[in-house]
Amino acid sequence: MSKTPLLALRGISKRFGAVQALTRVDFEVHPGEVVALVGDNGAGKSTLIKIISGIIPIDEGEILFDGKPVTLGKPQNSAALGIATVYQDLALCDNLDVVGNLFLGRELKASGAGQLVGWLDETTMERQANELLDKLSVSIPSVRTQVAALSGGQRQSIAVARAMMGSPRMVLLDEPTAALGVAQTRQVLDLIRRLREQGLGVVVISHNLADVFSVADRITVMRLGRRVASFDAKATREVEVVSAITGLAVPPREGASAPEVNP
């Protein structure tokens, strides 16, 4: 793993009127790493993700990308750095097929006479769609299948694939396994692992700790707008993460090292 984080947030604070949403939060993601962001509702997870996505600006702190200071504050700025976000609602168009969803807003125009009448290059778009899904090992009946006919896991995979169209370096996933069955959840978790294998930094927001422990390398816990702990997922127990989320102490394992904790 690279010593320099792909993304590093240092001392980030954000206030909405009288509400202090974030207080001096540190957060980082390395290339080829899956970081889970967990915490109760209102912990500050969504605010942090919206800052990384460029939807809202920070009040205080510093943001580094590849070790260099950057200013986000606009979705275009985050996208230009290679940060892609897949929200929980997926924002897919059920009446379009997979190709139409993948290329929505970035359709390829036909060349020659077809260009004069506004035709699209359907052949090239279909080929590129198949190549992308093959690269991600996403299995669907056909790229010409309407999204409305796909399973929940397939829909989530298509949303992730659409985020990959711009060749991002980092992907943010908001509750990617919410409301999915066991088989569909496994499909999505496998896709997250493939993103990591391809060297992307991946951030997963999830309330499902079983899924978190299945796929994450590190687990960052938010509580009341602060980062309160960071765990190595392979060296901790679920009860310790729950303790950090709730603020209720549990006795440490004998001989276990303490997690990184922020007061």
Protein backbone atom coordinates (compact mmCIF):
# COMPACT_ATOMS: atom_id res chain seq x y z
CA MET A 1 0.00 0.00 0.00
CA SER A 2 1.26 3.47 -0.87
CA LYS A 3 2.58 5.51 2.07
CA THR A 4 0.98 8.65 0.64
CA PRO A 5 -2.81 8.61 0.97
CA LEU A 6 -4.79 9.07 -2.21
CA LEU A 7 -7.12 11.36 -0.24
CA ALA A 8 -6.43 12.93 3.14
CA LEU A 9 -8.73 15.20 5.13
CA ARG A 10 -7.09 17.06 8.00
CA GLY A 11 -8.97 18.86 10.74
CA ILE A 12 -12.20 19.20 8.77
CA SER A 13 -15.00 21.15 10.45
CA LYS A 14 -18.44 22.02 9.11
CA ARG A 15 -21.34 23.93 10.66
CA PHE A 16 -24.92 24.32 9.43
CA GLY A 17 -26.35 27.26 11.36
CA ALA A 18 -26.41 26.26 15.01
CA VAL A 19 -25.54 22.64 14.24
CA GLN A 20 -21.87 21.60 14.35
CA ALA A 21 -21.95 18.72 11.85
CA LEU A 22 -18.21 17.95 11.85
CA THR A 23 -15.48 18.86 14.32
CA ARG A 24 -11.79 18.57 13.39
CA VAL A 25 -12.21 15.31 11.50
CA ASP A 26 -9.21 13.47 10.03
CA PHE A 27 -9.86 10.87 7.33
CA GLU A 28 -7.74 9.19 4.69
CA VAL A 29 -7.90 6.58 1.97
CA HIS A 30 -4.99 4.88 0.21
CA PRO A 31 -4.94 3.42 -3.31
CA GLY A 32 -6.08 -0.21 -3.28
CA GLU A 33 -7.78 0.14 0.10
CA VAL A 34 -11.39 -0.24 1.22
CA VAL A 35 -12.29 2.05 4.13
CA ALA A 36 -15.65 1.60 5.83
CA LEU A 37 -17.25 4.66 7.38
CA VAL A 38 -19.66 3.71 10.15
CA GLY A 39 -21.72 5.42 12.84
CA ASP A 40 -25.26 6.06 13.95
CA ASN A 41 -27.59 8.39 12.08
CA GLY A 42 -26.44 11.97 12.63
CA ALA A 43 -22.84 10.93 13.26
CA GLY A 44 -21.54 13.03 10.35
CA LYS A 45 -20.96 10.33 7.75
CA SER A 46 -23.14 11.88 5.05
CA THR A 47 -21.67 15.34 5.62
CA LEU A 48 -18.16 13.95 5.23
CA ILE A 49 -19.08 12.16 2.01
CA LYS A 50 -20.75 15.28 0.62
CA ILE A 51 -17.56 17.22 1.30
CA ILE A 52 -15.46 14.62 -0.53
CA SER A 53 -18.00 14.61 -3.39
CA GLY A 54 -17.73 18.38 -3.65
CA ILE A 55 -21.39 19.01 -2.82
CA ILE A 56 -20.67 21.19 0.23
CA PRO A 57 -17.57 23.25 1.11
CA ILE A 58 -15.60 22.92 4.33
CA ASP A 59 -15.46 25.63 7.00
CA GLU A 60 -12.05 24.69 8.35
CA GLY A 61 -9.31 22.18 7.62
CA GLU A 62 -7.29 20.95 4.68
CA ILE A 63 -7.91 18.45 1.89
CA LEU A 64 -5.00 16.70 0.17
CA PHE A 65 -5.14 14.57 -2.96
CA ASP A 66 -1.96 12.69 -3.89
CA GLY A 67 -0.32 14.67 -1.10
CA LYS A 68 -1.15 18.04 -2.67
CA PRO A 69 -3.62 20.57 -1.24
CA VAL A 70 -6.85 20.79 -3.26
CA THR A 71 -10.09 22.74 -3.08
CA LEU A 72 -13.26 20.78 -3.63
CA GLY A 73 -16.55 22.59 -2.93
CA LYS A 74 -18.02 21.72 -6.34
CA PRO A 75 -18.90 18.30 -7.79
CA GLN A 76 -16.90 19.18 -10.91
CA ASN A 77 -13.76 19.62 -8.80
CA SER A 78 -14.12 16.20 -7.21
CA ALA A 79 -14.90 14.58 -10.56
CA ALA A 80 -11.85 16.21 -12.13
CA LEU A 81 -9.65 14.58 -9.47
CA GLY A 82 -11.18 11.18 -10.21
CA ILE A 83 -13.62 10.90 -7.29
CA ALA A 84 -16.89 9.14 -8.18
CA THR A 85 -19.90 8.69 -5.89
CA VAL A 86 -22.66 6.08 -6.02
CA TYR A 87 -25.58 7.19 -3.86
CA GLN A 88 -28.06 4.88 -2.19
CA ASP A 89 -30.88 5.78 -4.60
CA LEU A 90 -28.58 4.78 -7.54
CA ALA A 91 -30.26 7.36 -9.86
CA LEU A 92 -30.77 4.81 -12.64
CA CYS A 93 -33.35 5.23 -15.40
CA ASP A 94 -35.59 2.17 -15.33
CA ASN A 95 -36.94 2.81 -18.84
CA LEU A 96 -33.47 2.69 -20.41
CA ASP A 97 -31.31 -0.35 -21.08
CA VAL A 98 -27.90 -0.86 -19.51
CA VAL A 99 -26.08 0.88 -22.37
CA GLY A 100 -28.41 3.86 -22.11
CA ASN A 101 -27.73 4.16 -18.38
CA LEU A 102 -23.97 3.79 -18.66
CA PHE A 103 -23.72 6.45 -21.36
CA LEU A 104 -26.46 8.79 -20.10
CA GLY A 105 -25.18 12.32 -20.61
CA ARG A 106 -22.04 11.11 -22.40
CA GLU A 107 -23.54 9.46 -25.48
CA LEU A 108 -21.24 8.82 -28.43
CA LYS A 109 -22.31 10.48 -31.67
CA ALA A 110 -22.26 8.59 -34.94
CA SER A 111 -19.74 9.65 -37.56
CA GLY A 112 -20.29 10.51 -41.21
CA ALA A 113 -23.84 10.91 -42.46
CA GLY A 114 -25.26 9.68 -39.15
CA GLN A 115 -23.74 12.64 -37.38
CA LEU A 116 -25.70 15.03 -39.59
CA VAL A 117 -29.03 13.60 -38.44
CA GLY A 118 -28.04 13.19 -34.79
CA TRP A 119 -27.69 9.41 -34.67
CA LEU A 120 -25.79 7.76 -31.85
CA ASP A 121 -22.95 5.28 -32.27
CA GLU A 122 -24.86 2.42 -30.68
CA THR A 123 -22.38 -0.22 -31.82
CA THR A 124 -19.41 1.42 -30.11
CA MET A 125 -21.36 2.16 -26.95
CA GLU A 126 -22.54 -1.45 -26.73
CA ARG A 127 -19.00 -2.74 -27.23
CA GLN A 128 -17.55 -0.43 -24.58
CA ALA A 129 -20.36 -1.33 -22.17
CA ASN A 130 -19.59 -5.03 -22.56
CA GLU A 131 -15.86 -4.40 -22.11
CA LEU A 132 -16.45 -2.44 -18.89
CA LEU A 133 -18.80 -5.03 -17.40
CA ASP A 134 -16.37 -7.82 -18.33
CA LYS A 135 -13.55 -5.92 -16.61
CA LEU A 136 -15.66 -5.65 -13.45
CA SER A 137 -16.96 -9.25 -13.81
CA VAL A 138 -20.53 -8.00 -13.71
CA SER A 139 -22.97 -10.65 -14.91
CA ILE A 140 -26.24 -9.53 -16.53
CA PRO A 141 -28.41 -11.09 -19.26
CA SER A 142 -27.50 -8.46 -21.84
CA VAL A 143 -26.41 -4.83 -22.00
CA ARG A 144 -29.66 -4.29 -23.91
CA THR A 145 -31.73 -5.43 -20.94
CA GLN A 146 -33.84 -2.69 -19.40
CA VAL A 147 -32.57 -1.75 -15.95
CA ALA A 148 -36.09 -2.22 -14.53
CA ALA A 149 -35.76 -5.96 -15.25
CA LEU A 150 -32.51 -6.39 -13.28
CA SER A 151 -32.14 -7.64 -9.72
CA GLY A 152 -31.14 -5.33 -6.88
CA GLY A 153 -27.56 -6.55 -6.93
CA GLN A 154 -27.32 -6.14 -10.70
CA ARG A 155 -28.73 -2.61 -10.47
CA GLN A 156 -26.16 -1.71 -7.83
CA SER A 157 -23.42 -3.16 -10.03
CA ILE A 158 -24.61 -1.09 -13.01
CA ALA A 159 -24.55 2.06 -10.86
CA VAL A 160 -20.95 1.27 -9.86
CA ALA A 161 -20.04 0.53 -13.47
CA ARG A 162 -21.48 3.89 -14.54
CA ALA A 163 -19.26 5.58 -11.95
CA MET A 164 -16.29 3.76 -13.51
CA MET A 165 -16.98 5.26 -16.96
CA GLY A 166 -14.74 8.21 -16.21
CA SER A 167 -11.86 5.96 -15.03
CA PRO A 168 -11.96 7.30 -11.44
CA ARG A 169 -9.26 6.73 -8.88
CA MET A 170 -11.61 6.68 -5.92
CA VAL A 171 -15.21 5.51 -5.47
CA LEU A 172 -17.60 6.40 -2.65
CA LEU A 173 -20.43 3.90 -2.05
CA ASP A 174 -23.40 4.91 0.11
CA GLU A 175 -25.09 1.85 1.70
CA PRO A 176 -24.32 -0.37 -1.32
CA THR A 177 -25.93 -3.50 0.16
CA ALA A 178 -29.01 -1.94 1.74
CA ALA A 179 -32.19 -3.97 1.14
CA LEU A 180 -30.34 -6.66 -0.86
CA GLY A 181 -30.69 -10.40 -0.37
CA VAL A 182 -27.80 -12.68 0.53
CA ALA A 183 -26.82 -13.59 -3.05
CA GLN A 184 -27.17 -10.01 -4.28
CA THR A 185 -25.11 -8.71 -1.36
CA ARG A 186 -22.35 -11.19 -2.17
CA GLN A 187 -22.34 -9.96 -5.76
CA VAL A 188 -21.88 -6.34 -4.67
CA LEU A 189 -19.19 -7.16 -2.10
CA ASP A 190 -17.28 -9.13 -4.75
CA LEU A 191 -17.46 -6.06 -7.00
CA ILE A 192 -16.02 -3.88 -4.22
CA ARG A 193 -13.12 -6.31 -3.86
CA ARG A 194 -12.47 -6.08 -7.60
CA LEU A 195 -12.33 -2.28 -7.36
CA ARG A 196 -9.69 -2.65 -4.66
CA GLU A 197 -7.73 -5.14 -6.77
CA GLN A 198 -7.67 -2.60 -9.58
CA GLY A 199 -5.95 -0.11 -7.26
CA LEU A 200 -8.85 2.21 -6.50
CA GLY A 201 -9.45 3.80 -3.16
CA VAL A 202 -12.93 2.75 -1.99
CA VAL A 203 -15.04 4.28 0.77
CA VAL A 204 -18.10 2.34 1.92
CA ILE A 205 -20.78 3.81 4.17
CA SER A 206 -22.73 0.99 5.77
CA HIS A 207 -24.80 0.09 8.82
CA ASN A 208 -24.25 -3.61 8.13
CA LEU A 209 -21.18 -4.54 10.16
CA ALA A 210 -21.11 -8.08 8.76
CA ASP A 211 -20.64 -6.62 5.27
CA VAL A 212 -18.11 -4.12 6.61
CA PHE A 213 -15.94 -6.83 8.16
CA SER A 214 -16.27 -8.91 5.00
CA VAL A 215 -14.80 -6.30 2.67
CA ALA A 216 -13.06 -3.46 4.56
CA ASP A 217 -9.38 -3.05 5.31
CA ARG A 218 -9.97 -0.26 7.82
CA ILE A 219 -13.06 0.87 9.73
CA THR A 220 -13.46 4.52 10.66
CA VAL A 221 -16.07 5.31 13.31
CA MET A 222 -17.91 8.62 13.49
CA ARG A 223 -19.91 9.79 16.50
CA LEU A 224 -21.56 13.19 17.01
CA GLY A 225 -19.56 14.79 14.20
CA ARG A 226 -16.16 13.51 15.32
CA ARG A 227 -13.96 10.64 14.25
CA VAL A 228 -13.74 8.65 17.44
CA ALA A 229 -11.81 5.55 16.34
CA SER A 230 -10.08 3.79 13.47
CA PHE A 231 -9.69 0.02 13.41
CA ASP A 232 -7.75 -2.53 11.39
CA ALA A 233 -10.67 -4.68 10.26
CA LYS A 234 -8.66 -7.89 10.51
CA ALA A 235 -7.44 -7.19 14.04
CA THR A 236 -10.61 -6.16 15.82
CA ARG A 237 -13.99 -7.55 16.87
CA GLU A 238 -17.45 -6.35 15.96
CA VAL A 239 -18.21 -5.62 19.63
CA GLU A 240 -15.31 -3.16 19.73
CA VAL A 241 -16.65 -1.28 16.71
CA VAL A 242 -20.13 -1.23 18.23
CA SER A 243 -18.60 0.14 21.43
CA ALA A 244 -17.00 2.99 19.50
CA ILE A 245 -20.25 3.71 17.66
CA THR A 246 -22.32 3.86 20.85
CA GLY A 247 -19.71 5.23 23.25
CA LEU A 248 -20.25 2.30 25.63
CA ALA A 249 -17.01 0.73 26.85
CA VAL A 250 -16.21 -2.97 26.49
CA PRO A 251 -13.29 -4.74 28.16
CA PRO A 252 -10.37 -5.19 25.74
CA ARG A 253 -9.19 -8.63 24.73
CA GLU A 254 -6.25 -9.90 26.71
CA GLY A 255 -3.06 -8.99 24.90
CA ALA A 256 -4.93 -7.00 22.21
CA SER A 257 -3.59 -3.68 21.04
CA ALA A 258 -5.88 -0.69 21.46
CA PRO A 259 -7.41 0.92 18.37
CA GLU A 260 -6.54 4.42 17.32
CA VAL A 261 -9.01 6.57 19.23
CA ASN A 262 -9.75 10.27 18.97
CA PRO A 263 -11.28 11.91 22.02
